[in-house]
PDB file of all heavy atoms in Angstrom:
ATOM      1  N   PHE A   1      41.857 -34.089 -16.296  1.00  0.00           N
ATOM      2  CA  PHE A   1      42.630 -35.285 -16.160  1.00  0.00           C
ATOM      3  C   PHE A   1      42.085 -36.231 -15.083  1.00  0.00           C
ATOM      4  O   PHE A   1      41.989 -37.524 -15.241  1.00  0.00           O
ATOM      5  CB  PHE A   1      44.181 -34.897 -15.701  1.00  0.00           C
ATOM      6  CG  PHE A   1      44.914 -36.135 -15.295  1.00  0.00           C
ATOM      7  CD1 PHE A   1      45.439 -37.020 -16.195  1.00  0.00           C
ATOM      8  CD2 PHE A   1      45.170 -36.330 -13.943  1.00  0.00           C
ATOM      9  CE1 PHE A   1      46.203 -38.155 -15.799  1.00  0.00           C
ATOM     10  CE2 PHE A   1      45.855 -37.465 -13.472  1.00  0.00           C
ATOM     11  CZ  PHE A   1      46.415 -38.352 -14.405  1.00  0.00           C
ATOM     12  N   ALA A   2      41.745 -35.566 -13.895  1.00  0.00           N
ATOM     13  CA  ALA A   2      41.254 -36.559 -12.791  1.00  0.00           C
ATOM     14  C   ALA A   2      39.950 -37.264 -13.193  1.00  0.00           C
ATOM     15  O   ALA A   2      39.756 -38.299 -12.914  1.00  0.00           O
ATOM     16  CB  ALA A   2      40.989 -35.588 -11.616  1.00  0.00           C
ATOM     17  N   ALA A   3      39.069 -36.505 -14.026  1.00  0.00           N
ATOM     18  CA  ALA A   3      37.873 -37.165 -14.456  1.00  0.00           C
ATOM     19  C   ALA A   3      38.242 -38.440 -15.305  1.00  0.00           C
ATOM     20  O   ALA A   3      37.536 -39.526 -15.142  1.00  0.00           O
ATOM     21  CB  ALA A   3      36.998 -36.182 -15.193  1.00  0.00           C
ATOM     22  N   ASN A   4      39.024 -38.342 -16.253  1.00  0.00           N
ATOM     23  CA  ASN A   4      39.286 -39.472 -17.109  1.00  0.00           C
ATOM     24  C   ASN A   4      40.031 -40.593 -16.414  1.00  0.00           C
ATOM     25  O   ASN A   4      39.900 -41.692 -16.629  1.00  0.00           O
ATOM     26  CB  ASN A   4      40.062 -38.949 -18.347  1.00  0.00           C
ATOM     27  CG  ASN A   4      39.233 -38.228 -19.217  1.00  0.00           C
ATOM     28  OD1 ASN A   4      38.393 -38.801 -20.146  1.00  0.00           O
ATOM     29  ND2 ASN A   4      39.214 -36.902 -19.246  1.00  0.00           N
ATOM     30  N   TYR A   5      41.051 -40.113 -15.526  1.00  0.00           N
ATOM     31  CA  TYR A   5      41.848 -41.119 -14.727  1.00  0.00           C
ATOM     32  C   TYR A   5      40.932 -41.936 -13.931  1.00  0.00           C
ATOM     33  O   TYR A   5      41.033 -43.150 -13.859  1.00  0.00           O
ATOM     34  CB  TYR A   5      42.850 -40.378 -13.954  1.00  0.00           C
ATOM     35  CG  TYR A   5      43.756 -41.194 -13.100  1.00  0.00           C
ATOM     36  CD1 TYR A   5      44.778 -41.889 -13.605  1.00  0.00           C
ATOM     37  CD2 TYR A   5      43.499 -41.230 -11.673  1.00  0.00           C
ATOM     38  CE1 TYR A   5      45.584 -42.743 -12.752  1.00  0.00           C
ATOM     39  CE2 TYR A   5      44.269 -42.020 -10.857  1.00  0.00           C
ATOM     40  CZ  TYR A   5      45.331 -42.793 -11.419  1.00  0.00           C
ATOM     41  OH  TYR A   5      46.115 -43.541 -10.587  1.00  0.00           O
ATOM     42  N   VAL A   6      39.958 -41.346 -13.228  1.00  0.00           N
ATOM     43  CA  VAL A   6      39.095 -42.055 -12.426  1.00  0.00           C
ATOM     44  C   VAL A   6      38.082 -42.922 -13.160  1.00  0.00           C
ATOM     45  O   VAL A   6      37.741 -44.046 -12.772  1.00  0.00           O
ATOM     46  CB  VAL A   6      38.377 -41.119 -11.331  1.00  0.00           C
ATOM     47  CG1 VAL A   6      37.152 -41.790 -10.688  1.00  0.00           C
ATOM     48  CG2 VAL A   6      39.336 -40.550 -10.378  1.00  0.00           C
ATOM     49  N   ALA A   7      37.565 -42.371 -14.285  1.00  0.00           N
ATOM     50  CA  ALA A   7      36.559 -43.047 -15.020  1.00  0.00           C
ATOM     51  C   ALA A   7      37.144 -44.421 -15.602  1.00  0.00           C
ATOM     52  O   ALA A   7      36.391 -45.323 -15.840  1.00  0.00           O
ATOM     53  CB  ALA A   7      36.190 -42.174 -16.310  1.00  0.00           C
ATOM     54  N   GLU A   8      38.427 -44.554 -15.724  1.00  0.00           N
ATOM     55  CA  GLU A   8      38.963 -45.661 -16.432  1.00  0.00           C
ATOM     56  C   GLU A   8      39.105 -46.813 -15.478  1.00  0.00           C
ATOM     57  O   GLU A   8      38.868 -48.103 -15.952  1.00  0.00           O
ATOM     58  CB  GLU A   8      40.434 -45.365 -16.928  1.00  0.00           C
ATOM     59  CG  GLU A   8      41.050 -46.393 -17.890  1.00  0.00           C
ATOM     60  CD  GLU A   8      42.201 -45.849 -18.527  1.00  0.00           C
ATOM     61  OE1 GLU A   8      43.259 -45.685 -17.813  1.00  0.00           O
ATOM     62  OE2 GLU A   8      42.255 -45.559 -19.733  1.00  0.00           O
ATOM     63  N   ASP A   9      39.390 -46.674 -14.220  1.00  0.00           N
ATOM     64  CA  ASP A   9      39.546 -47.784 -13.259  1.00  0.00           C
ATOM     65  C   ASP A   9      39.025 -47.205 -11.930  1.00  0.00           C
ATOM     66  O   ASP A   9      39.890 -46.987 -11.041  1.00  0.00           O
ATOM     67  CB  ASP A   9      40.976 -48.262 -13.222  1.00  0.00           C
ATOM     68  CG  ASP A   9      41.173 -49.425 -12.376  1.00  0.00           C
ATOM     69  OD1 ASP A   9      40.224 -50.109 -11.903  1.00  0.00           O
ATOM     70  OD2 ASP A   9      42.368 -49.993 -12.372  1.00  0.00           O
ATOM     71  N   THR A  10      37.782 -47.070 -11.825  1.00  0.00           N
ATOM     72  CA  THR A  10      37.178 -46.156 -10.869  1.00  0.00           C
ATOM     73  C   THR A  10      37.522 -46.551  -9.406  1.00  0.00           C
ATOM     74  O   THR A  10      38.039 -45.698  -8.614  1.00  0.00           O
ATOM     75  CB  THR A  10      35.674 -46.060 -11.020  1.00  0.00           C
ATOM     76  OG1 THR A  10      35.418 -45.826 -12.360  1.00  0.00           O
ATOM     77  CG2 THR A  10      35.074 -44.987 -10.140  1.00  0.00           C
ATOM     78  N   ILE A  11      37.104 -47.773  -8.955  1.00  0.00           N
ATOM     79  CA  ILE A  11      37.241 -48.032  -7.485  1.00  0.00           C
ATOM     80  C   ILE A  11      38.720 -48.088  -7.063  1.00  0.00           C
ATOM     81  O   ILE A  11      39.121 -47.546  -6.039  1.00  0.00           O
ATOM     82  CB  ILE A  11      36.572 -49.357  -7.157  1.00  0.00           C
ATOM     83  CG1 ILE A  11      35.025 -49.181  -7.229  1.00  0.00           C
ATOM     84  CG2 ILE A  11      36.920 -49.777  -5.735  1.00  0.00           C
ATOM     85  CD1 ILE A  11      34.250 -50.456  -7.027  1.00  0.00           C
ATOM     86  N   ARG A  12      39.628 -48.753  -7.856  1.00  0.00           N
ATOM     87  CA  ARG A  12      40.908 -48.828  -7.570  1.00  0.00           C
ATOM     88  C   ARG A  12      41.655 -47.496  -7.523  1.00  0.00           C
ATOM     89  O   ARG A  12      42.369 -47.129  -6.549  1.00  0.00           O
ATOM     90  CB  ARG A  12      41.698 -49.755  -8.473  1.00  0.00           C
ATOM     91  CG  ARG A  12      43.165 -50.110  -8.092  1.00  0.00           C
ATOM     92  CD  ARG A  12      43.839 -50.927  -9.082  1.00  0.00           C
ATOM     93  NE  ARG A  12      44.122 -50.181 -10.320  1.00  0.00           N
ATOM     94  CZ  ARG A  12      45.097 -49.298 -10.558  1.00  0.00           C
ATOM     95  NH1 ARG A  12      46.000 -49.093  -9.575  1.00  0.00           N
ATOM     96  NH2 ARG A  12      45.334 -48.750 -11.598  1.00  0.00           N
ATOM     97  N   ARG A  13      41.427 -46.663  -8.527  1.00  0.00           N
ATOM     98  CA  ARG A  13      41.986 -45.350  -8.576  1.00  0.00           C
ATOM     99  C   ARG A  13      41.443 -44.385  -7.555  1.00  0.00           C
ATOM    100  O   ARG A  13      42.162 -43.559  -6.954  1.00  0.00           O
ATOM    101  CB  ARG A  13      41.863 -44.804  -9.959  1.00  0.00           C
ATOM    102  CG  ARG A  13      42.903 -45.502 -10.906  1.00  0.00           C
ATOM    103  CD  ARG A  13      42.845 -45.038 -12.359  1.00  0.00           C
ATOM    104  NE  ARG A  13      43.895 -45.664 -13.107  1.00  0.00           N
ATOM    105  CZ  ARG A  13      44.026 -45.530 -14.369  1.00  0.00           C
ATOM    106  NH1 ARG A  13      43.194 -44.755 -15.125  1.00  0.00           N
ATOM    107  NH2 ARG A  13      44.998 -46.160 -15.154  1.00  0.00           N
ATOM    108  N   MET A  14      40.174 -44.433  -7.191  1.00  0.00           N
ATOM    109  CA  MET A  14      39.587 -43.624  -6.194  1.00  0.00           C
ATOM    110  C   MET A  14      40.271 -43.999  -4.870  1.00  0.00           C
ATOM    111  O   MET A  14      40.549 -43.194  -3.963  1.00  0.00           O
ATOM    112  CB  MET A  14      38.139 -43.791  -6.107  1.00  0.00           C
ATOM    113  CG  MET A  14      37.406 -42.845  -7.036  1.00  0.00           C
ATOM    114  SD  MET A  14      37.525 -41.137  -6.716  1.00  0.00           S
ATOM    115  CE  MET A  14      36.786 -40.987  -5.113  1.00  0.00           C
ATOM    116  N   ARG A  15      40.433 -45.305  -4.652  1.00  0.00           N
ATOM    117  CA  ARG A  15      41.085 -45.820  -3.420  1.00  0.00           C
ATOM    118  C   ARG A  15      42.532 -45.182  -3.213  1.00  0.00           C
ATOM    119  O   ARG A  15      42.980 -44.868  -2.294  1.00  0.00           O
ATOM    120  CB  ARG A  15      41.139 -47.380  -3.307  1.00  0.00           C
ATOM    121  CG  ARG A  15      41.669 -47.875  -2.101  1.00  0.00           C
ATOM    122  CD  ARG A  15      41.613 -49.443  -1.994  1.00  0.00           C
ATOM    123  NE  ARG A  15      40.285 -49.810  -1.792  1.00  0.00           N
ATOM    124  CZ  ARG A  15      39.450 -50.526  -2.639  1.00  0.00           C
ATOM    125  NH1 ARG A  15      39.985 -50.795  -3.831  1.00  0.00           N
ATOM    126  NH2 ARG A  15      38.274 -50.853  -2.338  1.00  0.00           N
ATOM    127  N   LEU A  16      43.208 -45.203  -4.389  1.00  0.00           N
ATOM    128  CA  LEU A  16      44.635 -44.633  -4.430  1.00  0.00           C
ATOM    129  C   LEU A  16      44.574 -43.186  -4.092  1.00  0.00           C
ATOM    130  O   LEU A  16      45.379 -42.678  -3.215  1.00  0.00           O
ATOM    131  CB  LEU A  16      45.204 -44.874  -5.808  1.00  0.00           C
ATOM    132  CG  LEU A  16      46.548 -44.237  -6.015  1.00  0.00           C
ATOM    133  CD1 LEU A  16      47.685 -45.007  -5.402  1.00  0.00           C
ATOM    134  CD2 LEU A  16      46.800 -44.143  -7.548  1.00  0.00           C
ATOM    135  N   ILE A  17      43.635 -42.381  -4.773  1.00  0.00           N
ATOM    136  CA  ILE A  17      43.604 -41.022  -4.514  1.00  0.00           C
ATOM    137  C   ILE A  17      43.295 -40.638  -3.112  1.00  0.00           C
ATOM    138  O   ILE A  17      43.858 -39.754  -2.422  1.00  0.00           O
ATOM    139  CB  ILE A  17      42.559 -40.345  -5.503  1.00  0.00           C
ATOM    140  CG1 ILE A  17      43.216 -40.331  -6.924  1.00  0.00           C
ATOM    141  CG2 ILE A  17      42.195 -38.976  -5.125  1.00  0.00           C
ATOM    142  CD1 ILE A  17      42.159 -39.954  -7.961  1.00  0.00           C
ATOM    143  N   MET A  18      42.206 -41.325  -2.570  1.00  0.00           N
ATOM    144  CA  MET A  18      41.761 -40.996  -1.228  1.00  0.00           C
ATOM    145  C   MET A  18      42.812 -41.449  -0.094  1.00  0.00           C
ATOM    146  O   MET A  18      42.877 -40.926   0.949  1.00  0.00           O
ATOM    147  CB  MET A  18      40.396 -41.591  -0.924  1.00  0.00           C
ATOM    148  CG  MET A  18      39.252 -40.862  -1.817  1.00  0.00           C
ATOM    149  SD  MET A  18      39.359 -39.076  -1.697  1.00  0.00           S
ATOM    150  CE  MET A  18      39.361 -38.851   0.180  1.00  0.00           C
ATOM    151  N   ALA A  19      43.554 -42.451  -0.448  1.00  0.00           N
ATOM    152  CA  ALA A  19      44.583 -42.943   0.519  1.00  0.00           C
ATOM    153  C   ALA A  19      45.648 -41.769   0.617  1.00  0.00           C
ATOM    154  O   ALA A  19      46.059 -41.499   1.704  1.00  0.00           O
ATOM    155  CB  ALA A  19      45.281 -44.244   0.149  1.00  0.00           C
ATOM    156  N   ALA A  20      46.021 -41.258  -0.522  1.00  0.00           N
ATOM    157  CA  ALA A  20      46.989 -40.150  -0.480  1.00  0.00           C
ATOM    158  C   ALA A  20      46.476 -38.915   0.117  1.00  0.00           C
ATOM    159  O   ALA A  20      47.111 -38.198   0.817  1.00  0.00           O
ATOM    160  CB  ALA A  20      47.517 -39.943  -1.919  1.00  0.00           C
ATOM    161  N   TYR A  21      45.130 -38.607  -0.303  1.00  0.00           N
ATOM    162  CA  TYR A  21      44.566 -37.446   0.294  1.00  0.00           C
ATOM    163  C   TYR A  21      44.399 -37.490   1.756  1.00  0.00           C
ATOM    164  O   TYR A  21      44.629 -36.589   2.547  1.00  0.00           O
ATOM    165  CB  TYR A  21      43.192 -37.308  -0.516  1.00  0.00           C
ATOM    166  CG  TYR A  21      42.513 -35.910  -0.314  1.00  0.00           C
ATOM    167  CD1 TYR A  21      41.737 -35.421  -1.307  1.00  0.00           C
ATOM    168  CD2 TYR A  21      42.713 -35.074   0.836  1.00  0.00           C
ATOM    169  CE1 TYR A  21      41.066 -34.150  -1.286  1.00  0.00           C
ATOM    170  CE2 TYR A  21      42.130 -33.847   0.916  1.00  0.00           C
ATOM    171  CZ  TYR A  21      41.326 -33.332  -0.144  1.00  0.00           C
ATOM    172  OH  TYR A  21      40.703 -32.202  -0.147  1.00  0.00           O
ATOM    173  N   THR A  22      43.953 -38.659   2.276  1.00  0.00           N
ATOM    174  CA  THR A  22      43.763 -38.839   3.708  1.00  0.00           C
ATOM    175  C   THR A  22      45.052 -38.860   4.409  1.00  0.00           C
ATOM    176  O   THR A  22      45.078 -38.140   5.581  1.00  0.00           O
ATOM    177  CB  THR A  22      43.150 -40.277   3.959  1.00  0.00           C
ATOM    178  OG1 THR A  22      41.792 -40.310   3.208  1.00  0.00           O
ATOM    179  CG2 THR A  22      42.856 -40.394   5.457  1.00  0.00           C
ATOM    180  N   ALA A  23      46.078 -39.306   3.845  1.00  0.00           N
ATOM    181  CA  ALA A  23      47.482 -39.213   4.569  1.00  0.00           C
ATOM    182  C   ALA A  23      47.919 -37.859   4.714  1.00  0.00           C
ATOM    183  O   ALA A  23      48.302 -37.420   5.836  1.00  0.00           O
ATOM    184  CB  ALA A  23      48.432 -40.024   3.683  1.00  0.00           C
ATOM    185  N   ILE A  24      47.825 -37.011   3.706  1.00  0.00           N
ATOM    186  CA  ILE A  24      48.315 -35.598   3.831  1.00  0.00           C
ATOM    187  C   ILE A  24      47.330 -34.792   4.713  1.00  0.00           C
ATOM    188  O   ILE A  24      47.761 -33.968   5.488  1.00  0.00           O
ATOM    189  CB  ILE A  24      48.551 -34.895   2.420  1.00  0.00           C
ATOM    190  CG1 ILE A  24      49.102 -33.546   2.590  1.00  0.00           C
ATOM    191  CG2 ILE A  24      47.231 -34.854   1.735  1.00  0.00           C
ATOM    192  CD1 ILE A  24      50.524 -33.574   3.297  1.00  0.00           C
ATOM    193  N   ALA A  25      46.036 -35.052   4.597  1.00  0.00           N
ATOM    194  CA  ALA A  25      45.050 -34.360   5.441  1.00  0.00           C
ATOM    195  C   ALA A  25      45.255 -34.667   6.996  1.00  0.00           C
ATOM    196  O   ALA A  25      45.251 -33.730   7.724  1.00  0.00           O
ATOM    197  CB  ALA A  25      43.648 -34.709   5.052  1.00  0.00           C
ATOM    198  N   VAL A  26      45.463 -35.930   7.274  1.00  0.00           N
ATOM    199  CA  VAL A  26      45.701 -36.267   8.716  1.00  0.00           C
ATOM    200  C   VAL A  26      46.930 -35.663   9.157  1.00  0.00           C
ATOM    201  O   VAL A  26      47.021 -35.111  10.344  1.00  0.00           O
ATOM    202  CB  VAL A  26      45.662 -37.746   8.879  1.00  0.00           C
ATOM    203  CG1 VAL A  26      46.267 -38.220  10.229  1.00  0.00           C
ATOM    204  CG2 VAL A  26      44.276 -38.426   8.654  1.00  0.00           C
ATOM    205  N   LEU A  27      48.086 -35.761   8.312  1.00  0.00           N
ATOM    206  CA  LEU A  27      49.375 -35.210   8.800  1.00  0.00           C
ATOM    207  C   LEU A  27      49.172 -33.674   8.961  1.00  0.00           C
ATOM    208  O   LEU A  27      49.715 -33.207  10.097  1.00  0.00           O
ATOM    209  CB  LEU A  27      50.374 -35.450   7.608  1.00  0.00           C
ATOM    210  CG  LEU A  27      51.735 -34.773   7.907  1.00  0.00           C
ATOM    211  CD1 LEU A  27      52.414 -35.374   9.115  1.00  0.00           C
ATOM    212  CD2 LEU A  27      52.652 -35.074   6.657  1.00  0.00           C
ATOM    213  N   LEU A  28      48.483 -32.923   8.118  1.00  0.00           N
ATOM    214  CA  LEU A  28      48.362 -31.467   8.293  1.00  0.00           C
ATOM    215  C   LEU A  28      47.458 -31.136   9.460  1.00  0.00           C
ATOM    216  O   LEU A  28      47.700 -30.154  10.146  1.00  0.00           O
ATOM    217  CB  LEU A  28      47.881 -30.912   6.985  1.00  0.00           C
ATOM    218  CG  LEU A  28      48.789 -31.004   5.817  1.00  0.00           C
ATOM    219  CD1 LEU A  28      48.242 -30.272   4.594  1.00  0.00           C
ATOM    220  CD2 LEU A  28      50.238 -30.504   6.143  1.00  0.00           C
ATOM    221  N   ALA A  29      46.346 -31.999   9.713  1.00  0.00           N
ATOM    222  CA  ALA A  29      45.504 -31.706  10.834  1.00  0.00           C
ATOM    223  C   ALA A  29      46.325 -31.837  12.106  1.00  0.00           C
ATOM    224  O   ALA A  29      46.148 -30.989  13.095  1.00  0.00           O
ATOM    225  CB  ALA A  29      44.420 -32.679  10.893  1.00  0.00           C
TER     226      ALA A  29
END
């Protein structure tokens, strides 16, 4: 799923994914 989701609108969706990932990673750190 992640492969196809990112392939379709790559920069915008990678920005979305990494914003959420960074938020939880910083919180947990």
